[in-house]
N, C-alpha and C. Protein backbone atom coordinates (compact mmCIF):
# COMPACT_ATOMS: atom_id res chain seq x y z
N MET A 1 80.18 110.83 123.68
CA MET A 1 80.66 110.36 124.89
C MET A 1 82.03 109.38 124.72
N LEU A 2 82.80 109.41 125.70
CA LEU A 2 84.17 109.11 125.60
C LEU A 2 84.11 107.60 126.22
N PRO A 3 84.90 106.67 125.76
CA PRO A 3 84.97 105.84 126.60
C PRO A 3 85.83 105.84 127.90
N GLY A 4 85.16 104.80 128.72
CA GLY A 4 85.81 105.02 130.24
C GLY A 4 87.17 104.17 130.41
N PRO A 5 87.73 104.25 131.42
CA PRO A 5 89.07 103.43 131.40
C PRO A 5 88.94 101.62 131.40
N SER A 6 87.75 101.59 131.95
CA SER A 6 87.82 100.02 131.56
C SER A 6 87.66 99.74 129.97
N GLU A 7 86.93 100.23 129.65
CA GLU A 7 86.89 100.45 127.81
C GLU A 7 88.18 100.53 127.16
N LEU A 8 88.99 101.42 127.81
CA LEU A 8 90.28 101.76 127.08
C LEU A 8 91.23 100.34 127.24
N ILE A 9 90.73 99.69 128.46
CA ILE A 9 91.91 98.63 128.79
C ILE A 9 91.43 97.52 127.90
N VAL A 10 90.29 97.32 127.74
CA VAL A 10 89.67 96.28 126.80
C VAL A 10 89.93 96.42 125.40
N ILE A 11 90.27 97.59 124.95
CA ILE A 11 90.78 98.15 123.63
C ILE A 11 92.14 97.88 123.27
N LEU A 12 92.96 98.07 124.60
CA LEU A 12 94.35 97.95 124.37
C LEU A 12 94.72 96.52 124.42
N LEU A 13 94.13 95.69 125.29
CA LEU A 13 94.12 94.42 125.29
C LEU A 13 94.09 93.31 123.91
N ILE A 14 93.00 94.10 123.18
CA ILE A 14 92.71 93.51 121.93
C ILE A 14 93.76 93.92 120.72
N VAL A 15 94.06 94.88 121.04
CA VAL A 15 95.18 95.46 120.00
C VAL A 15 96.80 94.75 120.34
N VAL A 16 96.85 94.38 121.63
CA VAL A 16 98.08 93.62 122.01
C VAL A 16 97.82 92.07 121.32
N ILE A 17 96.76 91.87 121.72
CA ILE A 17 96.27 90.44 121.08
C ILE A 17 96.45 90.28 119.50
N ILE A 18 96.11 91.14 118.79
CA ILE A 18 96.24 91.39 117.56
C ILE A 18 97.54 91.41 116.82
N PHE A 19 97.99 92.46 117.17
CA PHE A 19 99.56 92.78 116.68
C PHE A 19 100.52 92.41 117.55
N GLY A 20 100.44 91.82 118.65
CA GLY A 20 101.76 91.49 119.38
C GLY A 20 102.34 92.70 120.18
N ALA A 21 103.22 92.46 121.18
CA ALA A 21 103.75 93.44 121.91
C ALA A 21 105.10 94.01 121.21
N LYS A 22 105.39 93.20 120.29
CA LYS A 22 106.77 93.70 119.39
C LYS A 22 106.46 94.91 118.27
N ARG A 23 105.09 94.56 117.85
CA ARG A 23 104.73 95.41 116.70
C ARG A 23 104.25 96.64 117.10
N ILE A 24 103.91 96.94 118.21
CA ILE A 24 103.15 98.08 118.67
C ILE A 24 103.96 99.40 118.47
N PRO A 25 105.30 99.16 119.03
CA PRO A 25 106.33 100.36 118.94
C PRO A 25 106.52 100.74 117.50
N GLU A 26 106.47 99.77 116.43
CA GLU A 26 106.76 100.09 114.97
C GLU A 26 105.80 100.89 114.52
N ILE A 27 104.50 100.32 114.71
CA ILE A 27 103.36 100.87 114.36
C ILE A 27 102.83 102.28 114.82
N MET A 28 103.03 102.51 116.21
CA MET A 28 103.12 103.85 116.83
C MET A 28 104.00 104.75 116.25
N GLY A 29 105.47 104.17 116.01
CA GLY A 29 106.16 105.17 115.25
C GLY A 29 105.64 105.72 113.84
N GLY A 30 105.34 104.68 113.06
CA GLY A 30 104.92 105.04 111.59
C GLY A 30 103.88 105.95 111.61
N LEU A 31 103.01 105.81 112.62
CA LEU A 31 101.80 106.64 113.15
C LEU A 31 102.07 108.26 113.08
N GLY A 32 103.25 108.28 114.35
CA GLY A 32 103.85 109.55 114.79
C GLY A 32 104.55 110.18 113.37
N LYS A 33 105.39 109.41 112.38
CA LYS A 33 105.78 110.30 111.35
C LYS A 33 104.54 110.57 110.43
N GLY A 34 103.59 110.09 110.37
CA GLY A 34 102.68 110.25 109.57
C GLY A 34 102.02 111.55 110.11
N ILE A 35 101.87 111.65 111.40
CA ILE A 35 101.03 112.94 111.99
C ILE A 35 102.10 113.96 111.73
N ARG A 36 103.27 113.95 112.03
CA ARG A 36 104.31 115.04 111.98
C ARG A 36 104.37 115.74 110.30
N SER A 37 104.40 114.75 109.57
CA SER A 37 104.86 114.96 108.05
C SER A 37 103.23 115.63 107.44
N PHE A 38 101.95 115.30 108.10
CA PHE A 38 100.73 115.85 107.92
C PHE A 38 100.71 117.16 108.60
N LYS A 39 101.25 117.50 109.56
CA LYS A 39 101.27 118.71 110.12
C LYS A 39 102.16 119.78 109.70
N LYS A 40 103.29 119.21 109.14
CA LYS A 40 104.44 119.98 108.30
C LYS A 40 103.91 120.41 107.29
N ALA A 41 103.07 119.76 106.54
CA ALA A 41 102.47 120.08 105.31
C ALA A 41 101.55 121.00 105.29
N MET A 42 100.47 120.86 106.44
CA MET A 42 99.37 122.04 107.04
C MET A 42 99.91 123.40 107.21
N ASP A 43 101.33 123.47 107.85
CA ASP A 43 101.95 124.50 108.15
C ASP A 43 102.49 125.36 107.05
N THR A 44 102.83 124.52 106.29
CA THR A 44 103.43 125.43 104.67
C THR A 44 102.40 126.14 104.14
N ASP A 45 102.92 127.63 103.79
CA ASP A 45 102.06 128.57 102.90
C ASP A 45 101.92 128.34 101.65
N GLU A 46 102.86 127.68 100.86
CA GLU A 46 102.67 127.01 99.55
C GLU A 46 101.55 126.30 99.51
N PRO A 47 100.94 126.33 98.28
CA PRO A 47 99.99 125.57 98.01
C PRO A 47 101.06 124.19 97.22
N THR A 48 100.36 123.17 97.35
CA THR A 48 101.36 121.92 97.09
C THR A 48 100.57 121.29 95.62
N SER A 49 99.65 121.82 95.40
CA SER A 49 99.15 121.17 94.11
C SER A 49 98.32 122.36 93.00
N GLU A 50 98.85 122.36 91.96
CA GLU A 50 98.60 123.40 90.86
C GLU A 50 97.42 122.87 90.08
N PRO A 51 96.70 123.66 89.43
CA PRO A 51 95.92 123.08 88.28
C PRO A 51 96.20 122.42 87.35
N THR A 52 95.72 120.97 86.95
CA THR A 52 96.39 120.65 85.65
C THR A 52 95.86 120.47 84.47
N THR A 53 94.62 121.11 84.30
CA THR A 53 94.03 121.22 83.28
C THR A 53 94.66 122.40 82.14
N PRO A 54 94.64 122.05 80.82
CA PRO A 54 95.48 122.87 80.06
C PRO A 54 94.20 124.29 79.92
N ALA A 55 94.79 125.26 79.49
CA ALA A 55 94.19 126.63 79.42
C ALA A 55 92.98 126.32 78.37
N GLY A 56 93.33 125.69 77.07
CA GLY A 56 92.11 125.61 76.26
C GLY A 56 90.94 124.50 76.80
N ASN A 57 91.32 123.82 77.66
CA ASN A 57 90.29 122.45 77.95
C ASN A 57 89.97 122.77 79.58
N GLN A 58 89.26 123.22 79.79
CA GLN A 58 88.49 123.83 81.43
C GLN A 58 87.85 122.43 81.97
N THR A 59 87.38 121.40 81.18
CA THR A 59 86.45 120.54 81.43
C THR A 59 87.36 119.49 82.33
N GLY A 60 88.51 119.24 81.62
CA GLY A 60 89.06 118.26 82.33
C GLY A 60 89.19 117.06 81.37
N GLN A 61 88.45 117.00 80.32
CA GLN A 61 88.14 115.86 79.44
C GLN A 61 89.07 115.93 78.43
N GLN A 62 89.68 114.96 77.69
CA GLN A 62 90.34 114.90 76.43
C GLN A 62 89.66 114.65 75.26
N LYS A 63 89.91 115.17 74.15
CA LYS A 63 89.55 115.08 73.11
C LYS A 63 89.72 113.56 72.41
N PRO A 64 89.05 112.63 72.00
CA PRO A 64 89.14 111.53 71.61
C PRO A 64 90.27 111.80 70.25
N GLN A 65 91.12 110.94 70.38
CA GLN A 65 92.43 110.78 68.98
C GLN A 65 91.39 109.91 67.99
N GLU A 66 91.71 110.67 66.78
CA GLU A 66 90.92 110.07 65.55
C GLU A 66 92.20 108.69 65.00
N PRO A 67 91.46 107.61 64.78
CA PRO A 67 92.32 106.26 64.44
C PRO A 67 93.15 106.92 63.14
N GLN A 68 94.55 106.56 63.00
CA GLN A 68 95.32 106.78 61.84
C GLN A 68 94.86 105.87 60.60
N LYS A 69 94.81 106.23 59.57
CA LYS A 69 94.58 105.40 58.67
C LYS A 69 95.81 104.86 57.96
N PRO A 70 96.02 103.34 57.76
CA PRO A 70 97.34 103.42 56.93
C PRO A 70 97.60 103.68 55.52
N ALA A 71 98.79 103.94 55.17
CA ALA A 71 99.37 104.67 54.12
C ALA A 71 99.10 103.46 52.86
N SER A 72 98.29 104.16 51.98
CA SER A 72 98.00 102.97 50.77
C SER A 72 99.31 102.87 49.85
N SER A 73 99.60 101.79 49.43
CA SER A 73 100.93 101.64 48.75
C SER A 73 100.31 101.33 47.00
N ALA A 74 100.49 102.47 46.60
CA ALA A 74 100.17 102.59 45.00
C ALA A 74 100.70 102.35 43.92
């Protein structure tokens, strides 16, 4: 169920009261840039992330390092 015209007006008034009329264009501009960059990233055919696990370690967990013993001065 979509909100009706009266509910949209109430939501708009609340947004104006909270953010102020001067900040709304800045917020909408940032939102538009974010949507554009998201669409651009979705349109690219190249995968953006590669698997980062080393070939010998498929679980993604690292082996704990053994503490180094201090050299004895004899």
